[in-house]
């Protein structure tokens, strides 16, 4: 009787088994090594919040106002001292940023609230925090400069990225995104998302019509001449983000407040306030610009930036998809009022910015948008509102802006800001 043929069992050679085991162990070792690297060696970003007291400061509520000269002066000194202390330390490679966020005056002292960003490995996180605290305490003990600080008042705690962003985004004029250089509206270039977070698009019947600047959770400023066709709030919406369509965030308009002395077709008192129906949620990409003090001076020759979605050329039908930015300079009013320029038309409530040789300028569709300036702490202030000009980028015809400092008290009277 025949039996069916069956395959005989064979075993792998020992050298092959050893090779497979070695391969599995190698893969396992690499995987564990990568996990250890990313969990213990790879740098992560950590955020901290703290405070300390500056002593012997005369009681002055102006320290509390984030745009006051007193606030900026003291904050600048403290930020410079913190930066110097960390950059001279042995953790200077881990240091990213430090800022004073608020000042709180009380009984001949001021409490400075600070915000810090460092990178560290997960395994070394607690050591880094202790080192940061030690450096700050040593800084507060030193008698450099004219300030007296209390090292025993120092507190420091780690906070989440969400909380860190919320703290910064609730302050005016900060930017989460910054380009390395100012690129060159007419003669402009694309802005990055979040680079100009206060810029808004005022849309009429769903189409971009003018620019505007966010100054609080519900208020914006723009140009009065943007409402020459209609001032019915129902005809307008406001959107945010670098793209007009689709909007990153959109709100409806509740009220439009036009300056009482504005006359349709003329250029003086060209300012209006927009009140939204609901608050704007501040994010990295959308938050408010700083309003200057009425007494603040922006001198001729200072660099400023104008942004908007206006036409590339005068009377052109090509408009940018992305927000445009252009660096310009403040021009002396006497120069702007010269016979070959505007021949005396520029009032004290107006501001010229651009270049007398032309080329770079705001254009149609930029009206109402912001002209902004960074202070020495890189905090941005609203200097002007795009108002009028002769065509765009013409020789001896720079852009003319509503001078915001001239209307600071008027804005306060309408908004409480």
Protein backbone atom coordinates (compact mmCIF):
# COMPACT_ATOMS: atom_id res chain seq x y z
CA UNK A 1 0.00 0.00 0.00
CA UNK A 2 1.33 3.42 -1.01
CA UNK A 3 1.53 6.25 1.40
CA UNK A 4 1.27 9.87 0.35
CA UNK A 5 4.51 11.78 0.25
CA UNK A 6 4.83 14.24 3.24
CA UNK A 7 7.27 17.14 3.55
CA UNK A 8 9.91 16.52 6.14
CA UNK A 9 10.44 19.24 8.80
CA UNK A 10 13.71 21.11 8.49
CA UNK A 11 15.19 23.58 10.99
CA UNK A 12 16.92 26.88 10.13
CA UNK A 13 20.66 26.97 10.43
CA UNK A 14 21.94 28.40 13.69
CA UNK A 15 23.70 31.29 11.90
CA UNK A 16 20.39 32.41 10.33
CA UNK A 17 18.54 32.24 13.68
CA UNK A 18 21.31 34.31 15.26
CA UNK A 19 21.05 36.87 12.44
CA UNK A 20 17.26 37.22 12.86
CA UNK A 21 17.56 37.60 16.64
CA UNK A 22 20.29 40.19 16.18
CA UNK A 23 18.12 42.13 13.69
CA UNK A 24 15.11 42.15 16.02
CA UNK A 25 17.27 43.30 18.93
CA UNK A 26 18.85 46.02 16.78
CA UNK A 27 15.44 47.36 15.70
CA UNK A 28 14.24 47.27 19.31
CA UNK A 29 17.38 49.06 20.46
CA UNK A 30 17.00 51.79 17.82
CA UNK A 31 13.33 52.29 18.75
CA UNK A 32 14.13 52.57 22.45
CA UNK A 33 17.03 54.90 21.66
CA UNK A 34 14.80 57.18 19.61
CA UNK A 35 12.18 57.25 22.37
CA UNK A 36 14.83 58.11 24.95
CA UNK A 37 16.18 60.82 22.64
CA UNK A 38 12.84 62.49 22.07
CA UNK A 39 11.65 62.12 25.64
CA UNK A 40 14.88 62.98 27.44
CA UNK A 41 17.32 64.62 25.00
CA UNK A 42 15.20 66.53 22.48
CA UNK A 43 14.65 70.14 23.51
CA UNK A 44 11.08 71.24 24.17
CA UNK A 45 9.75 74.75 24.75
CA UNK A 46 8.65 75.67 28.27
CA UNK A 47 6.81 78.77 29.44
CA UNK A 48 7.00 80.51 32.81
CA UNK A 49 5.11 83.23 34.61
CA UNK A 50 6.53 85.18 37.53
CA UNK A 51 6.62 88.43 39.44
CA UNK A 52 8.85 90.54 41.65
CA UNK A 53 8.76 93.96 43.34
CA UNK A 54 10.56 97.14 42.33
CA UNK A 55 10.92 99.29 45.44
CA UNK A 56 10.95 103.03 46.09
CA UNK A 57 8.75 103.93 43.15
CA UNK A 58 6.46 106.93 43.82
CA UNK A 59 2.80 105.89 43.73
CA UNK A 60 1.58 106.58 40.19
CA UNK A 61 -1.34 104.81 38.52
CA UNK A 62 0.22 105.50 35.11
CA UNK A 63 2.51 102.50 35.65
CA UNK A 64 -0.61 100.36 35.31
CA UNK A 65 -1.51 101.71 31.85
CA UNK A 66 0.26 99.55 29.28
CA UNK A 67 0.82 102.40 26.79
CA UNK A 68 1.96 105.07 29.27
CA UNK A 69 5.52 106.48 29.12
CA UNK A 70 6.04 105.38 32.74
CA UNK A 71 5.05 101.78 31.95
CA UNK A 72 7.25 101.58 28.86
CA UNK A 73 10.23 103.20 30.58
CA UNK A 74 10.26 100.85 33.58
CA UNK A 75 9.37 97.77 31.50
CA UNK A 76 12.22 98.48 29.08
CA UNK A 77 14.76 98.71 31.94
CA UNK A 78 13.56 95.45 33.49
CA UNK A 79 13.43 93.60 30.16
CA UNK A 80 16.97 94.72 29.32
CA UNK A 81 18.23 93.55 32.72
CA UNK A 82 16.54 90.15 32.33
CA UNK A 83 17.89 89.65 28.80
CA UNK A 84 21.42 90.61 29.87
CA UNK A 85 21.27 88.30 32.91
CA UNK A 86 20.17 85.26 30.89
CA UNK A 87 22.52 85.90 27.97
CA UNK A 88 25.49 86.08 30.36
CA UNK A 89 24.46 82.87 32.12
CA UNK A 90 25.39 79.25 31.42
CA UNK A 91 21.87 78.60 30.08
CA UNK A 92 22.03 81.34 27.45
CA UNK A 93 21.57 78.75 24.68
CA UNK A 94 18.24 77.74 26.20
CA UNK A 95 16.94 81.30 26.54
CA UNK A 96 14.28 82.36 23.98
CA UNK A 97 12.36 85.35 25.30
CA UNK A 98 11.41 87.36 28.38
CA UNK A 99 8.89 90.17 28.69
CA UNK A 100 7.24 92.35 31.28
CA UNK A 101 3.51 91.84 30.77
CA UNK A 102 1.98 94.11 33.42
CA UNK A 103 3.03 96.53 36.13
CA UNK A 104 0.94 96.94 39.29
CA UNK A 105 1.74 99.97 41.51
CA UNK A 106 1.12 99.76 45.24
CA UNK A 107 2.46 101.67 48.28
CA UNK A 108 5.65 103.13 46.78
CA UNK A 109 6.49 99.93 44.94
CA UNK A 110 5.57 98.35 41.63
CA UNK A 111 5.02 94.62 41.11
CA UNK A 112 6.33 93.53 37.72
CA UNK A 113 4.64 90.49 36.19
CA UNK A 114 6.95 88.67 33.78
CA UNK A 115 6.66 86.07 31.03
CA UNK A 116 9.56 83.79 30.03
CA UNK A 117 10.26 81.22 27.31
CA UNK A 118 13.07 78.65 27.46
CA UNK A 119 13.91 75.38 25.80
CA UNK A 120 15.02 72.36 27.78
CA UNK A 121 15.09 68.59 27.72
CA UNK A 122 12.29 66.87 29.59
CA UNK A 123 14.71 65.22 31.98
CA UNK A 124 16.38 68.55 32.79
CA UNK A 125 13.19 70.63 33.00
CA UNK A 126 13.17 71.07 36.78
CA UNK A 127 16.87 71.92 36.91
CA UNK A 128 16.30 74.55 34.22
CA UNK A 129 13.45 76.11 36.20
CA UNK A 130 15.61 76.27 39.33
CA UNK A 131 18.45 77.83 37.31
CA UNK A 132 16.10 80.47 35.86
CA UNK A 133 14.90 81.34 39.34
CA UNK A 134 18.48 81.54 40.64
CA UNK A 135 19.54 83.88 37.81
CA UNK A 136 16.54 86.14 38.38
CA UNK A 137 17.17 86.26 42.12
CA UNK A 138 20.81 87.17 41.55
CA UNK A 139 19.72 89.87 39.10
CA UNK A 140 17.36 91.32 41.72
CA UNK A 141 20.13 91.33 44.35
CA UNK A 142 22.51 93.31 42.15
CA UNK A 143 22.54 97.08 42.52
CA UNK A 144 23.16 97.86 38.88
CA UNK A 145 21.29 100.91 37.68
CA UNK A 146 19.03 103.18 39.68
CA UNK A 147 16.36 100.61 40.55
CA UNK A 148 16.00 98.84 43.89
CA UNK A 149 14.42 95.42 43.62
CA UNK A 150 13.38 92.86 46.24
CA UNK A 151 14.83 89.37 45.58
CA UNK A 152 12.64 87.85 48.30
CA UNK A 153 9.51 88.90 46.40
CA UNK A 154 10.35 86.71 43.40
CA UNK A 155 7.89 83.99 42.40
CA UNK A 156 8.13 81.76 39.33
CA UNK A 157 5.96 78.96 37.97
CA UNK A 158 5.69 76.93 34.81
CA UNK A 159 2.56 77.51 32.72
CA UNK A 160 1.08 75.79 29.68
CA UNK A 161 1.56 77.02 26.13
CA UNK A 162 -2.15 77.87 25.97
CA UNK A 163 -1.93 80.05 29.08
CA UNK A 164 1.30 81.65 27.85
CA UNK A 165 -0.27 82.59 24.52
CA UNK A 166 -3.37 83.93 26.27
CA UNK A 167 -1.24 86.23 28.45
CA UNK A 168 0.65 87.71 25.47
CA UNK A 169 -2.36 87.93 23.17
CA UNK A 170 -4.28 89.92 25.77
CA UNK A 171 -1.58 92.60 25.66
CA UNK A 172 -1.71 95.14 22.84
CA UNK A 173 0.73 95.38 19.97
CA UNK A 174 2.53 92.05 20.39
CA UNK A 175 3.19 89.84 17.37
CA UNK A 176 3.53 86.06 17.51
CA UNK A 177 4.76 85.95 13.91
CA UNK A 178 7.50 88.21 12.60
CA UNK A 179 9.26 88.30 9.25
CA UNK A 180 13.02 88.64 9.31
CA UNK A 181 12.90 91.72 7.05
CA UNK A 182 10.39 94.24 5.84
CA UNK A 183 9.63 93.38 2.26
CA UNK A 184 8.52 95.85 -0.09
CA UNK A 185 0.07 97.65 -1.18
CA UNK A 186 1.74 99.34 -4.24
CA UNK A 187 5.23 97.92 -4.02
CA UNK A 188 4.18 95.61 -1.18
CA UNK A 189 4.57 91.90 -0.47
CA UNK A 190 2.64 89.08 1.18
CA UNK A 191 2.24 89.15 4.95
CA UNK A 192 2.58 86.00 7.02
CA UNK A 193 -0.40 84.67 8.97
CA UNK A 194 -0.45 86.44 12.33
CA UNK A 195 2.18 89.01 11.35
CA UNK A 196 -0.31 91.91 11.59
CA UNK A 197 -2.99 90.45 13.91
CA UNK A 198 -4.92 93.74 14.35
CA UNK A 199 -5.59 94.17 10.61
CA UNK A 200 -9.25 93.69 9.66
CA UNK A 201 -11.18 93.73 6.40
CA UNK A 202 -14.33 95.86 6.41
CA UNK A 203 -16.67 94.22 3.90
CA UNK A 204 -19.68 95.87 2.33
CA UNK A 205 -22.30 93.44 1.05
CA UNK A 206 -19.76 90.64 1.41
CA UNK A 207 -16.91 92.24 -0.56
CA UNK A 208 -13.73 93.81 0.81
CA UNK A 209 -14.19 97.57 0.86
CA UNK A 210 -11.83 99.12 3.43
CA UNK A 211 -9.28 98.23 6.07
CA UNK A 212 -9.67 98.67 9.84
CA UNK A 213 -7.64 98.16 13.03
CA UNK A 214 -8.73 96.14 16.06
CA UNK A 215 -8.24 98.19 19.26
CA UNK A 216 -10.22 96.05 21.75
CA UNK A 217 -12.40 92.94 21.85
CA UNK A 218 -15.30 94.82 20.22
CA UNK A 219 -13.97 98.12 18.82
CA UNK A 220 -12.10 98.96 15.63
CA UNK A 221 -11.01 102.25 14.08
CA UNK A 222 -11.20 103.03 10.37
CA UNK A 223 -11.70 105.99 8.03
CA UNK A 224 -14.96 107.97 7.99
CA UNK A 225 -14.93 108.13 4.17
CA UNK A 226 -15.45 104.34 4.07
CA UNK A 227 -19.13 105.06 4.89
CA UNK A 228 -19.89 107.59 2.17
CA UNK A 229 -22.18 105.16 0.33
CA UNK A 230 -24.00 103.88 3.40
CA UNK A 231 -23.56 103.84 7.16
CA UNK A 232 -26.14 101.15 7.84
CA UNK A 233 -24.38 98.56 10.05
CA UNK A 234 -26.36 95.75 8.39
CA UNK A 235 -24.49 96.34 5.15
CA UNK A 236 -21.13 95.58 6.74
CA UNK A 237 -19.18 92.69 8.21
CA UNK A 238 -15.63 92.58 9.58
CA UNK A 239 -13.22 89.71 8.98
CA UNK A 240 -9.73 88.89 10.23
CA UNK A 241 -6.74 86.90 8.96
CA UNK A 242 -4.41 87.42 6.01
CA UNK A 243 -6.95 86.14 3.47
CA UNK A 244 -10.10 88.09 2.68
CA UNK A 245 -11.78 84.94 1.37
CA UNK A 246 -12.32 82.68 3.19
CA UNK A 247 -12.16 84.75 6.38
CA UNK A 248 -10.22 83.33 9.33
CA UNK A 249 -12.78 84.93 11.68
CA UNK A 250 -15.84 87.08 10.96
CA UNK A 251 -18.03 89.41 13.03
CA UNK A 252 -21.13 91.54 12.41
CA UNK A 253 -21.31 95.30 12.94
CA UNK A 254 -23.59 96.72 15.63
CA UNK A 255 -22.79 100.43 15.39
CA UNK A 256 -20.78 102.86 13.26
CA UNK A 257 -19.59 106.09 14.95
CA UNK A 258 -18.38 108.73 12.47
CA UNK A 259 -16.53 111.82 13.68
CA UNK A 260 -19.04 114.64 14.14
CA UNK A 261 -16.97 117.14 12.10
CA UNK A 262 -16.35 114.90 9.12
CA UNK A 263 -17.84 116.28 5.88
CA UNK A 264 -18.47 113.92 3.00
CA UNK A 265 -15.99 114.49 0.18
CA UNK A 266 -13.47 116.33 2.38
CA UNK A 267 -10.36 115.00 4.10
CA UNK A 268 -10.39 116.45 7.63
CA UNK A 269 -11.56 114.41 10.65
CA UNK A 270 -11.47 111.25 8.54
CA UNK A 271 -11.97 108.78 11.36
CA UNK A 272 -14.73 106.38 12.46
CA UNK A 273 -15.23 103.70 15.09
CA UNK A 274 -16.85 100.31 14.54
CA UNK A 275 -18.59 98.45 17.38
CA UNK A 276 -19.01 94.71 16.79
CA UNK A 277 -22.08 92.72 17.85
CA UNK A 278 -19.90 90.23 19.77
CA UNK A 279 -16.39 90.04 21.16
CA UNK A 280 -13.38 88.88 19.19
CA UNK A 281 -11.53 85.95 20.76
CA UNK A 282 -7.86 86.95 20.85
CA UNK A 283 -5.48 84.40 19.32
CA UNK A 284 -1.93 84.45 17.94
CA UNK A 285 -3.45 85.56 14.63
CA UNK A 286 -6.06 88.07 15.86
CA UNK A 287 -5.54 90.61 18.64
CA UNK A 288 -5.38 94.34 19.22
CA UNK A 289 -2.87 97.04 18.34
CA UNK A 290 -1.77 99.62 20.94
CA UNK A 291 -3.31 103.08 20.84
CA UNK A 292 -0.72 105.82 21.40
CA UNK A 293 -0.98 108.42 24.12
CA UNK A 294 -2.28 111.79 22.89
CA UNK A 295 1.12 113.29 23.76
CA UNK A 296 3.18 110.62 22.01
CA UNK A 297 5.46 111.92 19.25
CA UNK A 298 6.33 110.03 16.06
CA UNK A 299 9.13 111.96 14.39
CA UNK A 300 9.81 112.45 10.66
CA UNK A 301 12.11 109.78 9.30
CA UNK A 302 10.87 107.05 11.63
CA UNK A 303 10.08 103.73 9.97
CA UNK A 304 6.45 102.67 9.90
CA UNK A 305 4.50 99.92 8.12
CA UNK A 306 1.25 100.17 6.17
CA UNK A 307 -0.84 97.06 5.49
CA UNK A 308 -3.95 96.27 3.45
CA UNK A 309 -5.62 94.46 0.57
CA UNK A 310 -5.74 97.49 -1.72
CA UNK A 311 -5.21 97.56 -5.49
CA UNK A 312 -1.70 96.99 -6.85
CA UNK A 313 -2.01 100.08 -9.08
CA UNK A 314 -4.31 103.12 -9.16
CA UNK A 315 -7.67 102.34 -10.76
CA UNK A 316 -6.47 98.77 -11.25
CA UNK A 317 -8.79 95.79 -11.12
CA UNK A 318 -6.22 93.42 -9.64
CA UNK A 319 -6.39 92.99 -5.88
CA UNK A 320 -4.22 90.73 -3.71
CA UNK A 321 -5.52 87.51 -2.20
CA UNK A 322 -3.16 87.84 0.75
CA UNK A 323 -2.63 90.85 3.01
CA UNK A 324 0.14 93.15 1.76
CA UNK A 325 2.70 95.04 3.85
CA UNK A 326 5.00 97.89 2.91
CA UNK A 327 7.66 99.75 4.93
CA UNK A 328 7.46 103.53 4.61
CA UNK A 329 8.81 106.53 6.54
CA UNK A 330 7.08 109.42 8.26
CA UNK A 331 7.54 112.59 6.21
CA UNK A 332 7.88 116.06 7.73
CA UNK A 333 4.62 118.05 7.35
CA UNK A 334 6.47 121.06 5.91
CA UNK A 335 8.02 118.86 3.22
CA UNK A 336 4.62 117.35 2.47
CA UNK A 337 3.06 120.83 2.26
CA UNK A 338 5.61 122.11 -0.28
CA UNK A 339 4.24 123.65 -3.47
CA UNK A 340 5.31 120.68 -5.61
CA UNK A 341 3.72 118.29 -3.11
CA UNK A 342 0.38 119.00 -1.39
CA UNK A 343 0.74 122.79 -1.34
CA UNK A 344 -0.53 123.45 2.19
CA UNK A 345 -3.34 120.86 2.26
CA UNK A 346 -1.84 118.81 5.11
CA UNK A 347 -3.36 119.78 8.46
CA UNK A 348 -1.89 119.14 11.92
CA UNK A 349 -4.40 116.28 12.32
CA UNK A 350 -2.90 114.55 9.27
CA UNK A 351 0.34 112.67 8.75
CA UNK A 352 2.32 112.01 5.58
CA UNK A 353 4.17 108.72 5.16
CA UNK A 354 5.88 107.11 2.22
CA UNK A 355 8.62 108.44 -0.04
CA UNK A 356 8.69 111.73 -1.96
CA UNK A 357 10.12 109.80 -4.91
CA UNK A 358 7.00 107.61 -4.92
CA UNK A 359 6.70 103.89 -5.75
CA UNK A 360 5.75 102.46 -2.33
CA UNK A 361 2.36 103.61 -1.08
CA UNK A 362 -1.11 102.65 0.08
CA UNK A 363 -3.73 102.44 -2.68
CA UNK A 364 -7.47 102.05 -3.32
CA UNK A 365 -8.96 99.50 -0.93
CA UNK A 366 -6.38 100.22 1.77
CA UNK A 367 -8.48 103.10 3.16
CA UNK A 368 -9.14 102.87 6.89
CA UNK A 369 -6.27 100.46 7.43
CA UNK A 370 -3.37 100.80 9.88
CA UNK A 371 -0.07 102.62 9.73
CA UNK A 372 1.92 101.18 12.65
CA UNK A 373 5.23 101.80 14.42
CA UNK A 374 7.24 99.53 16.79
CA UNK A 375 8.69 101.04 19.96
CA UNK A 376 12.02 100.00 21.45
CA UNK A 377 10.36 96.93 23.04
CA UNK A 378 8.98 95.86 19.63
CA UNK A 379 5.42 96.68 20.70
CA UNK A 380 3.36 98.13 17.85
CA UNK A 381 1.36 101.35 18.00
CA UNK A 382 -1.31 102.69 15.64
CA UNK A 383 0.20 105.89 14.23
CA UNK A 384 -2.14 106.59 11.33
CA UNK A 385 -5.27 105.57 9.43
CA UNK A 386 -5.07 105.36 5.63
CA UNK A 387 -7.01 108.41 4.46
CA UNK A 388 -6.18 109.98 1.08
CA UNK A 389 -3.58 110.85 -1.53
CA UNK A 390 -3.13 111.60 -5.23
CA UNK A 391 -3.34 108.27 -7.05
CA UNK A 392 -0.81 105.74 -5.66
CA UNK A 393 2.96 105.98 -5.39
CA UNK A 394 3.27 109.18 -7.41
CA UNK A 395 6.28 111.51 -7.30
CA UNK A 396 5.89 114.12 -4.51
CA UNK A 397 2.51 112.66 -3.55
CA UNK A 398 3.02 110.32 -0.57
CA UNK A 399 0.14 108.76 1.35
CA UNK A 400 -1.80 110.95 3.78
CA UNK A 401 -3.04 109.42 7.03
CA UNK A 402 -5.32 110.51 9.86
CA UNK A 403 -2.96 111.25 12.78
CA UNK A 404 -4.20 108.99 15.59
CA UNK A 405 -2.64 111.02 18.44
CA UNK A 406 -4.83 113.98 17.38
CA UNK A 407 -7.94 111.85 17.92
CA UNK A 408 -6.83 109.85 20.96
CA UNK A 409 -9.15 111.73 23.32
CA UNK A 410 -12.04 111.45 20.86
CA UNK A 411 -11.53 107.65 20.66
CA UNK A 412 -11.52 107.49 24.47
CA UNK A 413 -14.73 109.52 24.67
CA UNK A 414 -16.54 107.05 22.37
CA UNK A 415 -15.06 103.76 23.58
CA UNK A 416 -13.76 104.29 27.11
CA UNK A 417 -10.37 102.96 25.97
